[in-house]
Amino acid sequence: MNIILLGAPGAGKGTQAEVICDKLQIPTISTGNIIREALKTGTEMGLKAKSFMEA
């Protein structure tokens, strides 16, 4: 099962994702968290994302 939540920053996507995933007993994957971690650790993906963010 794939569920994608879209919305503006602060719209409550993360909050709703937690509720839905807890209820359905499925994992939560946050692309924002993945990108922030990649930026912090300086991975190849993080460096690529940084180049787009600074453009």
N, C-alpha and C. Protein backbone atom coordinates (compact mmCIF):
# COMPACT_ATOMS: atom_id res chain seq x y z
N MET A 1 0.85 -1.17 0.00
CA MET A 1 0.00 0.00 0.00
C MET A 1 0.89 1.23 0.00
N ASN A 2 0.63 2.16 -0.90
CA ASN A 2 1.35 3.43 -0.95
C ASN A 2 0.36 4.56 -0.73
N ILE A 3 0.68 5.42 0.22
CA ILE A 3 -0.14 6.60 0.49
C ILE A 3 0.78 7.80 0.43
N ILE A 4 0.43 8.79 -0.36
CA ILE A 4 1.25 9.99 -0.49
C ILE A 4 0.42 11.18 -0.01
N LEU A 5 0.99 11.95 0.91
CA LEU A 5 0.33 13.15 1.41
C LEU A 5 1.07 14.37 0.86
N LEU A 6 0.33 15.26 0.24
CA LEU A 6 0.90 16.49 -0.31
C LEU A 6 0.27 17.69 0.37
N GLY A 7 1.06 18.75 0.51
CA GLY A 7 0.52 19.96 1.09
C GLY A 7 1.62 20.96 1.37
N ALA A 8 1.22 22.15 1.67
CA ALA A 8 2.16 23.23 1.96
C ALA A 8 2.88 22.97 3.28
N PRO A 9 4.03 23.62 3.48
CA PRO A 9 4.72 23.49 4.77
C PRO A 9 3.79 23.89 5.92
N GLY A 10 3.76 23.09 6.96
CA GLY A 10 2.94 23.39 8.12
C GLY A 10 1.48 22.97 7.98
N ALA A 11 1.15 22.27 6.90
CA ALA A 11 -0.24 21.87 6.67
C ALA A 11 -0.67 20.68 7.52
N GLY A 12 0.30 19.97 8.10
CA GLY A 12 -0.03 18.83 8.95
C GLY A 12 0.18 17.48 8.30
N LYS A 13 0.96 17.45 7.21
CA LYS A 13 1.22 16.17 6.52
C LYS A 13 1.87 15.16 7.45
N GLY A 14 2.88 15.58 8.18
CA GLY A 14 3.59 14.67 9.08
C GLY A 14 2.69 14.16 10.19
N THR A 15 1.89 15.04 10.74
CA THR A 15 0.96 14.66 11.80
C THR A 15 -0.05 13.64 11.29
N GLN A 16 -0.63 13.92 10.14
CA GLN A 16 -1.60 13.00 9.56
C GLN A 16 -0.95 11.67 9.17
N ALA A 17 0.28 11.74 8.66
CA ALA A 17 1.00 10.51 8.29
C ALA A 17 1.19 9.61 9.51
N GLU A 18 1.56 10.20 10.64
CA GLU A 18 1.74 9.42 11.87
C GLU A 18 0.45 8.72 12.28
N VAL A 19 -0.66 9.46 12.25
CA VAL A 19 -1.96 8.90 12.65
C VAL A 19 -2.35 7.76 11.71
N ILE A 20 -2.25 8.01 10.41
CA ILE A 20 -2.64 6.99 9.42
C ILE A 20 -1.75 5.75 9.54
N CYS A 21 -0.45 5.97 9.63
CA CYS A 21 0.49 4.84 9.68
C CYS A 21 0.34 4.03 10.97
N ASP A 22 0.08 4.71 12.08
CA ASP A 22 -0.17 3.99 13.33
C ASP A 22 -1.43 3.12 13.20
N LYS A 23 -2.47 3.70 12.63
CA LYS A 23 -3.74 2.99 12.51
C LYS A 23 -3.63 1.79 11.57
N LEU A 24 -2.90 1.96 10.46
CA LEU A 24 -2.77 0.89 9.47
C LEU A 24 -1.56 -0.01 9.72
N GLN A 25 -0.77 0.35 10.72
CA GLN A 25 0.44 -0.40 11.07
C GLN A 25 1.38 -0.55 9.86
N ILE A 26 1.66 0.60 9.22
CA ILE A 26 2.60 0.65 8.10
C ILE A 26 3.67 1.69 8.42
N PRO A 27 4.84 1.59 7.80
CA PRO A 27 5.92 2.54 8.12
C PRO A 27 5.68 3.91 7.50
N THR A 28 6.27 4.92 8.12
CA THR A 28 6.23 6.28 7.61
C THR A 28 7.58 6.58 6.98
N ILE A 29 7.56 7.13 5.78
CA ILE A 29 8.79 7.57 5.12
C ILE A 29 8.63 9.05 4.81
N SER A 30 9.52 9.86 5.34
CA SER A 30 9.48 11.31 5.12
C SER A 30 10.63 11.70 4.21
N THR A 31 10.31 12.10 2.98
CA THR A 31 11.38 12.51 2.06
C THR A 31 12.11 13.74 2.59
N GLY A 32 11.41 14.61 3.28
CA GLY A 32 12.06 15.78 3.87
C GLY A 32 13.13 15.38 4.86
N ASN A 33 12.81 14.42 5.73
CA ASN A 33 13.79 13.93 6.70
C ASN A 33 14.97 13.26 6.01
N ILE A 34 14.69 12.50 4.95
CA ILE A 34 15.76 11.83 4.21
C ILE A 34 16.71 12.86 3.60
N ILE A 35 16.16 13.90 2.99
CA ILE A 35 16.99 14.93 2.37
C ILE A 35 17.77 15.71 3.42
N ARG A 36 17.13 16.07 4.53
CA ARG A 36 17.84 16.80 5.59
C ARG A 36 19.01 15.98 6.14
N GLU A 37 18.82 14.68 6.32
CA GLU A 37 19.89 13.81 6.81
C GLU A 37 21.01 13.71 5.78
N ALA A 38 20.66 13.63 4.50
CA ALA A 38 21.66 13.56 3.44
C ALA A 38 22.47 14.85 3.38
N LEU A 39 21.82 15.98 3.58
CA LEU A 39 22.53 17.27 3.62
C LEU A 39 23.49 17.31 4.79
N LYS A 40 23.01 16.86 5.95
CA LYS A 40 23.81 16.89 7.17
C LYS A 40 25.04 16.00 7.07
N THR A 41 24.88 14.83 6.47
CA THR A 41 25.99 13.88 6.41
C THR A 41 26.85 14.05 5.16
N GLY A 42 26.42 14.91 4.23
CA GLY A 42 27.23 15.19 3.05
C GLY A 42 27.28 14.06 2.04
N THR A 43 26.21 13.28 1.94
CA THR A 43 26.18 12.19 0.96
C THR A 43 26.10 12.77 -0.45
N GLU A 44 26.31 11.91 -1.45
CA GLU A 44 26.23 12.36 -2.84
C GLU A 44 24.86 12.98 -3.12
N MET A 45 23.80 12.32 -2.63
CA MET A 45 22.45 12.86 -2.82
C MET A 45 22.30 14.20 -2.12
N GLY A 46 22.87 14.32 -0.92
CA GLY A 46 22.78 15.57 -0.17
C GLY A 46 23.48 16.71 -0.88
N LEU A 47 24.64 16.43 -1.45
CA LEU A 47 25.38 17.46 -2.18
C LEU A 47 24.62 17.88 -3.44
N LYS A 48 24.00 16.92 -4.10
CA LYS A 48 23.19 17.23 -5.29
C LYS A 48 21.99 18.09 -4.89
N ALA A 49 21.31 17.72 -3.81
CA ALA A 49 20.16 18.50 -3.34
C ALA A 49 20.59 19.91 -2.97
N LYS A 50 21.75 20.03 -2.32
CA LYS A 50 22.27 21.34 -1.91
C LYS A 50 22.49 22.23 -3.12
N SER A 51 23.01 21.66 -4.21
CA SER A 51 23.25 22.46 -5.41
C SER A 51 21.94 23.03 -5.97
N PHE A 52 20.86 22.26 -5.88
CA PHE A 52 19.56 22.75 -6.34
C PHE A 52 19.01 23.81 -5.39
N MET A 53 19.21 23.61 -4.10
CA MET A 53 18.68 24.54 -3.11
C MET A 53 19.38 25.89 -3.16
N GLU A 54 20.65 25.89 -3.57
CA GLU A 54 21.42 27.14 -3.62
C GLU A 54 21.31 27.84 -4.96
N ALA A 55 20.66 27.22 -5.95
CA ALA A 55 20.56 27.80 -7.30
C ALA A 55 19.56 28.93 -7.34
